[in-house]
């Protein structure tokens, strides 16, 4: 009761949590809750294809290996981030032998569509998924920051993105103060 965990691993989620999707990911939210409590955290997601029909054959092999390696590294070298930050990790949908390694990335910009899909939940109620095409993204404009999470996954890298809970856009504060 009085002892906090040394680390929270939220996931392994089925499906990507990259770009703007991080902001409404339950997997990322689990990591956010941990860091709000002062506990280091990582959110881990297994990227999938074909509406995630490929996940079963992958058996999470690469994801399991990556989680073990990252957790070991955290415990051997301390957590690499300050408070109120967590690591968002996305695993490419490939066998471990095809993995190109790890890339530190920034959150990319997803290309949303204007589609909507109707679904039925377990209680028989209809709900909709809006604007979710296949996993497409805009070419990274943050060249000085290297790869986006989407770029890394496309090139068979494990994407490791540092995420900060403060989503304030500080560059806009002065402009907004003048406007208000």
C-alpha atoms as a PDB file:
ATOM      1  CA  UNK A   1       0.000   0.000   0.000  1.00  0.00           C
ATOM      2  CA  UNK A   2       2.756   2.479   0.904  1.00  0.00           C
ATOM      3  CA  UNK A   3       5.268   1.261  -1.679  1.00  0.00           C
ATOM      4  CA  UNK A   4       5.064   2.440  -5.275  1.00  0.00           C
ATOM      5  CA  UNK A   5       6.073   0.264  -8.223  1.00  0.00           C
ATOM      6  CA  UNK A   6       9.552   0.850  -9.633  1.00  0.00           C
ATOM      7  CA  UNK A   7       8.150   1.076 -13.169  1.00  0.00           C
ATOM      8  CA  UNK A   8       4.821   0.838 -15.009  1.00  0.00           C
ATOM      9  CA  UNK A   9       4.642  -0.873 -18.401  1.00  0.00           C
ATOM     10  CA  UNK A  10       1.311   0.010 -20.006  1.00  0.00           C
ATOM     11  CA  UNK A  11       0.505  -2.399 -22.818  1.00  0.00           C
ATOM     12  CA  UNK A  12       1.325  -4.324 -24.938  1.00  0.00           C
ATOM     13  CA  UNK A  13      -1.504  -2.687 -26.890  1.00  0.00           C
ATOM     14  CA  UNK A  14      -2.818  -4.222 -30.109  1.00  0.00           C
ATOM     15  CA  UNK A  15      -2.454  -1.485 -32.724  1.00  0.00           C
ATOM     16  CA  UNK A  16      -0.275   1.585 -33.191  1.00  0.00           C
ATOM     17  CA  UNK A  17      -0.235   4.613 -30.893  1.00  0.00           C
ATOM     18  CA  UNK A  18       1.691   7.087 -33.005  1.00  0.00           C
ATOM     19  CA  UNK A  19       1.366  10.746 -33.918  1.00  0.00           C
ATOM     20  CA  UNK A  20      -1.762  12.456 -32.629  1.00  0.00           C
ATOM     21  CA  UNK A  21      -3.244   9.087 -31.647  1.00  0.00           C
ATOM     22  CA  UNK A  22      -1.051   9.230 -28.524  1.00  0.00           C
ATOM     23  CA  UNK A  23      -3.339  11.932 -27.102  1.00  0.00           C
ATOM     24  CA  UNK A  24      -6.356   9.625 -26.823  1.00  0.00           C
ATOM     25  CA  UNK A  25      -4.655   6.283 -26.338  1.00  0.00           C
ATOM     26  CA  UNK A  26      -5.653   4.274 -23.288  1.00  0.00           C
ATOM     27  CA  UNK A  27      -2.193   2.715 -23.326  1.00  0.00           C
ATOM     28  CA  UNK A  28      -0.545   6.142 -23.194  1.00  0.00           C
ATOM     29  CA  UNK A  29      -3.065   7.199 -20.528  1.00  0.00           C
ATOM     30  CA  UNK A  30      -1.901   4.323 -18.319  1.00  0.00           C
ATOM     31  CA  UNK A  31       1.666   5.609 -18.591  1.00  0.00           C
ATOM     32  CA  UNK A  32       0.483   9.184 -17.956  1.00  0.00           C
ATOM     33  CA  UNK A  33      -1.285   8.156 -14.760  1.00  0.00           C
ATOM     34  CA  UNK A  34       1.885   6.471 -13.553  1.00  0.00           C
ATOM     35  CA  UNK A  35       4.111   9.501 -14.139  1.00  0.00           C
ATOM     36  CA  UNK A  36       1.531  11.731 -12.443  1.00  0.00           C
ATOM     37  CA  UNK A  37       2.091   9.518  -9.392  1.00  0.00           C
ATOM     38  CA  UNK A  38       5.866   9.891  -9.727  1.00  0.00           C
ATOM     39  CA  UNK A  39       6.384   6.409 -11.191  1.00  0.00           C
ATOM     40  CA  UNK A  40       8.516   5.993 -14.336  1.00  0.00           C
ATOM     41  CA  UNK A  41       6.486   4.520 -17.190  1.00  0.00           C
ATOM     42  CA  UNK A  42       6.537   3.195 -20.724  1.00  0.00           C
ATOM     43  CA  UNK A  43       3.583   2.697 -23.061  1.00  0.00           C
ATOM     44  CA  UNK A  44       4.073  -0.151 -25.548  1.00  0.00           C
ATOM     45  CA  UNK A  45       2.032  -0.782 -28.693  1.00  0.00           C
ATOM     46  CA  UNK A  46       2.284  -3.507 -31.320  1.00  0.00           C
ATOM     47  CA  UNK A  47       1.673  -1.951 -34.732  1.00  0.00           C
ATOM     48  CA  UNK A  48      -0.448  -4.236 -36.877  1.00  0.00           C
ATOM     49  CA  UNK A  49      -1.725  -4.508 -40.437  1.00  0.00           C
ATOM     50  CA  UNK A  50      -4.852  -5.824 -42.150  1.00  0.00           C
ATOM     51  CA  UNK A  51      -7.122  -4.695 -39.291  1.00  0.00           C
ATOM     52  CA  UNK A  52      -4.739  -6.458 -36.890  1.00  0.00           C
ATOM     53  CA  UNK A  53      -5.260  -9.903 -38.412  1.00  0.00           C
ATOM     54  CA  UNK A  54      -1.464 -10.322 -38.498  1.00  0.00           C
ATOM     55  CA  UNK A  55      -0.961  -9.987 -34.727  1.00  0.00           C
ATOM     56  CA  UNK A  56      -1.690 -13.630 -33.875  1.00  0.00           C
ATOM     57  CA  UNK A  57       1.049 -14.951 -36.148  1.00  0.00           C
ATOM     58  CA  UNK A  58       3.583 -12.455 -34.777  1.00  0.00           C
ATOM     59  CA  UNK A  59       2.982 -13.787 -31.254  1.00  0.00           C
ATOM     60  CA  UNK A  60       4.360 -10.495 -29.898  1.00  0.00           C
ATOM     61  CA  UNK A  61       7.883 -11.929 -30.199  1.00  0.00           C
ATOM     62  CA  UNK A  62       9.585  -8.643 -31.052  1.00  0.00           C
ATOM     63  CA  UNK A  63       7.404  -6.696 -28.613  1.00  0.00           C
ATOM     64  CA  UNK A  64       8.284  -9.054 -25.759  1.00  0.00           C
ATOM     65  CA  UNK A  65      11.994  -8.868 -26.587  1.00  0.00           C
ATOM     66  CA  UNK A  66      11.879  -5.069 -26.790  1.00  0.00           C
ATOM     67  CA  UNK A  67      10.013  -4.670 -23.492  1.00  0.00           C
ATOM     68  CA  UNK A  68      12.463  -6.938 -21.672  1.00  0.00           C
ATOM     69  CA  UNK A  69      15.452  -5.082 -23.179  1.00  0.00           C
ATOM     70  CA  UNK A  70      14.077  -1.623 -22.356  1.00  0.00           C
ATOM     71  CA  UNK A  71      13.037  -2.566 -18.811  1.00  0.00           C
ATOM     72  CA  UNK A  72      16.471  -4.096 -18.212  1.00  0.00           C
ATOM     73  CA  UNK A  73      18.116  -0.931 -19.549  1.00  0.00           C
ATOM     74  CA  UNK A  74      15.932   1.244 -17.291  1.00  0.00           C
ATOM     75  CA  UNK A  75      16.846  -0.784 -14.203  1.00  0.00           C
ATOM     76  CA  UNK A  76      20.545  -0.903 -15.135  1.00  0.00           C
ATOM     77  CA  UNK A  77      20.902   2.788 -16.045  1.00  0.00           C
ATOM     78  CA  UNK A  78      17.967   4.550 -14.339  1.00  0.00           C
ATOM     79  CA  UNK A  79      15.012   5.992 -16.209  1.00  0.00           C
ATOM     80  CA  UNK A  80      16.250   8.423 -18.891  1.00  0.00           C
ATOM     81  CA  UNK A  81      13.528  11.072 -18.473  1.00  0.00           C
ATOM     82  CA  UNK A  82      12.642  13.657 -15.840  1.00  0.00           C
ATOM     83  CA  UNK A  83       9.295  13.688 -14.048  1.00  0.00           C
ATOM     84  CA  UNK A  84       6.007  14.016 -15.978  1.00  0.00           C
ATOM     85  CA  UNK A  85       7.472  12.321 -19.045  1.00  0.00           C
ATOM     86  CA  UNK A  86       7.145   8.759 -20.348  1.00  0.00           C
ATOM     87  CA  UNK A  87       8.374   6.656 -23.235  1.00  0.00           C
ATOM     88  CA  UNK A  88       5.891   5.777 -25.978  1.00  0.00           C
ATOM     89  CA  UNK A  89       7.153   2.684 -27.780  1.00  0.00           C
ATOM     90  CA  UNK A  90       5.763   1.269 -31.027  1.00  0.00           C
ATOM     91  CA  UNK A  91       6.835  -2.118 -32.354  1.00  0.00           C
ATOM     92  CA  UNK A  92       6.825  -2.797 -36.121  1.00  0.00           C
ATOM     93  CA  UNK A  93       4.741  -5.768 -37.347  1.00  0.00           C
ATOM     94  CA  UNK A  94       7.726  -7.942 -38.234  1.00  0.00           C
ATOM     95  CA  UNK A  95       9.683 -10.932 -36.983  1.00  0.00           C
ATOM     96  CA  UNK A  96      12.584 -10.061 -34.635  1.00  0.00           C
ATOM     97  CA  UNK A  97      15.212 -11.014 -37.241  1.00  0.00           C
ATOM     98  CA  UNK A  98      13.922  -8.265 -39.572  1.00  0.00           C
ATOM     99  CA  UNK A  99      14.112  -5.500 -36.950  1.00  0.00           C
ATOM    100  CA  UNK A 100      16.538  -2.692 -37.861  1.00  0.00           C
ATOM    101  CA  UNK A 101      17.016  -1.680 -34.206  1.00  0.00           C
ATOM    102  CA  UNK A 102      15.721   1.253 -32.173  1.00  0.00           C
ATOM    103  CA  UNK A 103      15.107   4.868 -33.254  1.00  0.00           C
ATOM    104  CA  UNK A 104      14.425   7.771 -30.944  1.00  0.00           C
ATOM    105  CA  UNK A 105      11.564   9.568 -32.671  1.00  0.00           C
ATOM    106  CA  UNK A 106       9.154  12.466 -32.450  1.00  0.00           C
ATOM    107  CA  UNK A 107       5.397  12.060 -32.768  1.00  0.00           C
ATOM    108  CA  UNK A 108       4.498  12.203 -36.440  1.00  0.00           C
ATOM    109  CA  UNK A 109       1.484  13.753 -38.097  1.00  0.00           C
ATOM    110  CA  UNK A 110      -1.156  11.246 -39.109  1.00  0.00           C
ATOM    111  CA  UNK A 111      -3.105  11.715 -42.339  1.00  0.00           C
ATOM    112  CA  UNK A 112      -6.715  11.424 -41.213  1.00  0.00           C
ATOM    113  CA  UNK A 113      -9.487  10.648 -43.631  1.00  0.00           C
ATOM    114  CA  UNK A 114     -13.115  11.618 -43.686  1.00  0.00           C
ATOM    115  CA  UNK A 115     -14.519   8.113 -43.442  1.00  0.00           C
ATOM    116  CA  UNK A 116     -16.761   6.700 -40.751  1.00  0.00           C
ATOM    117  CA  UNK A 117     -17.383   3.078 -39.854  1.00  0.00           C
ATOM    118  CA  UNK A 118     -20.378   1.784 -37.938  1.00  0.00           C
ATOM    119  CA  UNK A 119     -19.788  -0.939 -35.335  1.00  0.00           C
ATOM    120  CA  UNK A 120     -21.862  -2.705 -32.687  1.00  0.00           C
ATOM    121  CA  UNK A 121     -20.514  -2.942 -29.137  1.00  0.00           C
ATOM    122  CA  UNK A 122     -20.972  -6.027 -26.896  1.00  0.00           C
ATOM    123  CA  UNK A 123     -24.202  -4.503 -25.507  1.00  0.00           C
ATOM    124  CA  UNK A 124     -25.691  -4.286 -28.995  1.00  0.00           C
ATOM    125  CA  UNK A 125     -25.303  -0.505 -29.241  1.00  0.00           C
ATOM    126  CA  UNK A 126     -24.059   1.178 -32.384  1.00  0.00           C
ATOM    127  CA  UNK A 127     -20.929   3.330 -32.293  1.00  0.00           C
ATOM    128  CA  UNK A 128     -18.751   4.938 -34.965  1.00  0.00           C
ATOM    129  CA  UNK A 129     -15.075   5.192 -35.803  1.00  0.00           C
ATOM    130  CA  UNK A 130     -14.573   8.515 -37.551  1.00  0.00           C
ATOM    131  CA  UNK A 131     -11.722   9.568 -39.830  1.00  0.00           C
ATOM    132  CA  UNK A 132      -9.535   6.499 -39.528  1.00  0.00           C
ATOM    133  CA  UNK A 133      -8.027   5.433 -42.830  1.00  0.00           C
ATOM    134  CA  UNK A 134      -5.219   2.933 -42.928  1.00  0.00           C
ATOM    135  CA  UNK A 135      -2.052   4.032 -41.139  1.00  0.00           C
ATOM    136  CA  UNK A 136      -0.929   6.911 -43.380  1.00  0.00           C
ATOM    137  CA  UNK A 137       1.082   9.921 -42.304  1.00  0.00           C
ATOM    138  CA  UNK A 138       2.499  13.173 -43.584  1.00  0.00           C
ATOM    139  CA  UNK A 139       6.178  13.377 -44.420  1.00  0.00           C
ATOM    140  CA  UNK A 140       8.094  14.572 -41.385  1.00  0.00           C
ATOM    141  CA  UNK A 141       8.788  18.303 -41.303  1.00  0.00           C
ATOM    142  CA  UNK A 142      10.968  18.072 -38.184  1.00  0.00           C
ATOM    143  CA  UNK A 143      14.155  17.212 -40.052  1.00  0.00           C
ATOM    144  CA  UNK A 144      16.355  18.455 -37.201  1.00  0.00           C
ATOM    145  CA  UNK A 145      14.617  15.984 -34.880  1.00  0.00           C
ATOM    146  CA  UNK A 146      15.225  13.017 -37.157  1.00  0.00           C
ATOM    147  CA  UNK A 147      12.632  10.331 -37.593  1.00  0.00           C
ATOM    148  CA  UNK A 148       8.952  10.469 -36.796  1.00  0.00           C
ATOM    149  CA  UNK A 149       7.419   7.413 -35.159  1.00  0.00           C
ATOM    150  CA  UNK A 150       5.732   6.602 -38.497  1.00  0.00           C
ATOM    151  CA  UNK A 151       9.040   6.858 -40.398  1.00  0.00           C
ATOM    152  CA  UNK A 152      10.764   4.508 -37.953  1.00  0.00           C
ATOM    153  CA  UNK A 153       8.029   1.858 -38.176  1.00  0.00           C
ATOM    154  CA  UNK A 154       8.020   2.040 -41.973  1.00  0.00           C
ATOM    155  CA  UNK A 155      11.758   1.274 -41.948  1.00  0.00           C
ATOM    156  CA  UNK A 156      11.375  -1.639 -39.474  1.00  0.00           C
ATOM    157  CA  UNK A 157      12.759   0.207 -36.448  1.00  0.00           C
ATOM    158  CA  UNK A 158      11.259   0.116 -32.969  1.00  0.00           C
ATOM    159  CA  UNK A 159      10.079   3.674 -32.319  1.00  0.00           C
ATOM    160  CA  UNK A 160      10.861   5.229 -28.917  1.00  0.00           C
ATOM    161  CA  UNK A 161       9.229   8.638 -28.420  1.00  0.00           C
ATOM    162  CA  UNK A 162       9.692  10.721 -25.260  1.00  0.00           C
ATOM    163  CA  UNK A 163       6.304  12.212 -24.327  1.00  0.00           C
ATOM    164  CA  UNK A 164       5.814  15.212 -22.025  1.00  0.00           C
ATOM    165  CA  UNK A 165       2.490  15.645 -20.231  1.00  0.00           C
ATOM    166  CA  UNK A 166       2.545  19.433 -20.580  1.00  0.00           C
ATOM    167  CA  UNK A 167       0.884  19.950 -23.963  1.00  0.00           C
ATOM    168  CA  UNK A 168       1.107  23.736 -23.762  1.00  0.00           C
ATOM    169  CA  UNK A 169       2.287  25.344 -26.997  1.00  0.00           C
ATOM    170  CA  UNK A 170       4.598  27.879 -25.389  1.00  0.00           C
ATOM    171  CA  UNK A 171       5.420  29.628 -28.655  1.00  0.00           C
ATOM    172  CA  UNK A 172       1.749  30.718 -28.909  1.00  0.00           C
ATOM    173  CA  UNK A 173       1.402  32.216 -25.422  1.00  0.00           C
ATOM    174  CA  UNK A 174       2.621  35.714 -26.333  1.00  0.00           C
ATOM    175  CA  UNK A 175       0.519  35.815 -29.497  1.00  0.00           C
ATOM    176  CA  UNK A 176      -2.543  34.666 -27.557  1.00  0.00           C
ATOM    177  CA  UNK A 177      -1.919  37.246 -24.798  1.00  0.00           C
ATOM    178  CA  UNK A 178      -1.850  39.985 -27.439  1.00  0.00           C
ATOM    179  CA  UNK A 179      -4.986  38.603 -29.053  1.00  0.00           C
ATOM    180  CA  UNK A 180      -6.997  38.272 -25.836  1.00  0.00           C
END
